[in-house]
């Protein structure tokens, strides 16, 4: 993880929408692919993607270590997809 990404994660945790948008752009295709592998349906994958990022923003303060953002996000996506 580079300094820019870490900074954006910290800023997102503080509620900055621009940082959240930056992280969404960076991770959306990866999360969508993983959601598709679980659901097997593109429309469901898009719903999972949207719900994952809503939860990401809602629970942003629960992330203790910005270095673990990607695994935290993937965990949110996996739980969302299986629900």
Protein backbone atom coordinates (compact mmCIF):
# COMPACT_ATOMS: atom_id res chain seq x y z
CA UNK A 1 0.00 0.00 0.00
CA UNK A 2 1.40 3.36 -0.95
CA UNK A 3 1.16 6.56 1.04
CA UNK A 4 -1.61 8.00 -1.12
CA UNK A 5 -3.88 5.02 -0.58
CA UNK A 6 -3.25 5.01 3.16
CA UNK A 7 -3.99 8.74 3.28
CA UNK A 8 -7.24 8.24 1.34
CA UNK A 9 -8.32 5.48 3.73
CA UNK A 10 -7.69 7.71 6.75
CA UNK A 11 -9.53 10.60 5.09
CA UNK A 12 -12.45 8.30 4.22
CA UNK A 13 -12.59 7.18 7.86
CA UNK A 14 -12.93 10.86 8.80
CA UNK A 15 -15.96 11.11 6.50
CA UNK A 16 -14.43 12.76 3.44
CA UNK A 17 -16.57 11.85 0.42
CA UNK A 18 -13.83 12.60 -2.13
CA UNK A 19 -11.56 10.01 -0.49
CA UNK A 20 -14.42 7.51 -0.45
CA UNK A 21 -15.00 8.09 -4.17
CA UNK A 22 -11.28 7.58 -4.85
CA UNK A 23 -11.35 4.25 -2.98
CA UNK A 24 -14.54 3.20 -4.77
CA UNK A 25 -12.90 3.85 -8.14
CA UNK A 26 -9.83 1.88 -7.11
CA UNK A 27 -11.64 -1.18 -5.74
CA UNK A 28 -14.98 -1.38 -7.56
CA UNK A 29 -13.90 -3.72 -10.37
CA UNK A 30 -12.11 -6.08 -7.97
CA UNK A 31 -15.12 -6.25 -5.63
CA UNK A 32 -17.50 -6.71 -8.57
CA UNK A 33 -15.43 -9.64 -9.91
CA UNK A 34 -15.33 -11.33 -6.52
CA UNK A 35 -19.07 -10.79 -6.04
CA UNK A 36 -19.72 -12.35 -9.45
CA UNK A 37 -17.62 -15.39 -8.57
CA UNK A 38 -19.82 -15.93 -5.51
CA UNK A 39 -23.22 -15.07 -7.00
CA UNK A 40 -22.80 -16.16 -10.62
CA UNK A 41 -25.16 -13.37 -11.63
CA UNK A 42 -24.12 -9.95 -12.92
CA UNK A 43 -27.18 -8.07 -11.61
CA UNK A 44 -26.77 -9.59 -8.15
CA UNK A 45 -23.05 -8.74 -8.29
CA UNK A 46 -23.86 -5.08 -8.91
CA UNK A 47 -26.23 -5.10 -5.92
CA UNK A 48 -23.54 -6.73 -3.77
CA UNK A 49 -21.02 -4.11 -4.93
CA UNK A 50 -23.33 -1.25 -4.00
CA UNK A 51 -24.26 -2.72 -0.63
CA UNK A 52 -20.60 -3.48 0.16
CA UNK A 53 -19.57 0.14 -0.34
CA UNK A 54 -22.56 1.46 1.59
CA UNK A 55 -21.49 -0.74 4.51
CA UNK A 56 -17.87 0.30 4.02
CA UNK A 57 -18.80 3.93 4.50
CA UNK A 58 -21.32 3.26 7.27
CA UNK A 59 -18.84 1.20 9.31
CA UNK A 60 -15.68 3.09 8.30
CA UNK A 61 -14.77 3.85 11.89
CA UNK A 62 -14.71 0.12 12.72
CA UNK A 63 -11.59 -0.34 10.60
CA UNK A 64 -8.76 -0.31 13.12
CA UNK A 65 -5.76 -0.53 10.78
CA UNK A 66 -5.81 1.30 7.41
CA UNK A 67 -3.20 -1.19 6.17
CA UNK A 68 -5.87 -3.90 6.33
CA UNK A 69 -8.49 -1.99 4.32
CA UNK A 70 -8.55 -4.37 1.36
CA UNK A 71 -9.05 -7.51 3.44
CA UNK A 72 -11.66 -5.69 5.57
CA UNK A 73 -13.52 -4.63 2.41
CA UNK A 74 -13.36 -8.17 1.00
CA UNK A 75 -14.75 -9.54 4.25
CA UNK A 76 -17.68 -7.11 4.03
CA UNK A 77 -18.30 -8.15 0.42
CA UNK A 78 -18.15 -11.87 1.22
CA UNK A 79 -20.60 -11.57 4.11
CA UNK A 80 -22.90 -9.41 2.00
CA UNK A 81 -22.81 -11.85 -0.91
CA UNK A 82 -23.58 -14.89 1.21
CA UNK A 83 -26.44 -13.08 2.96
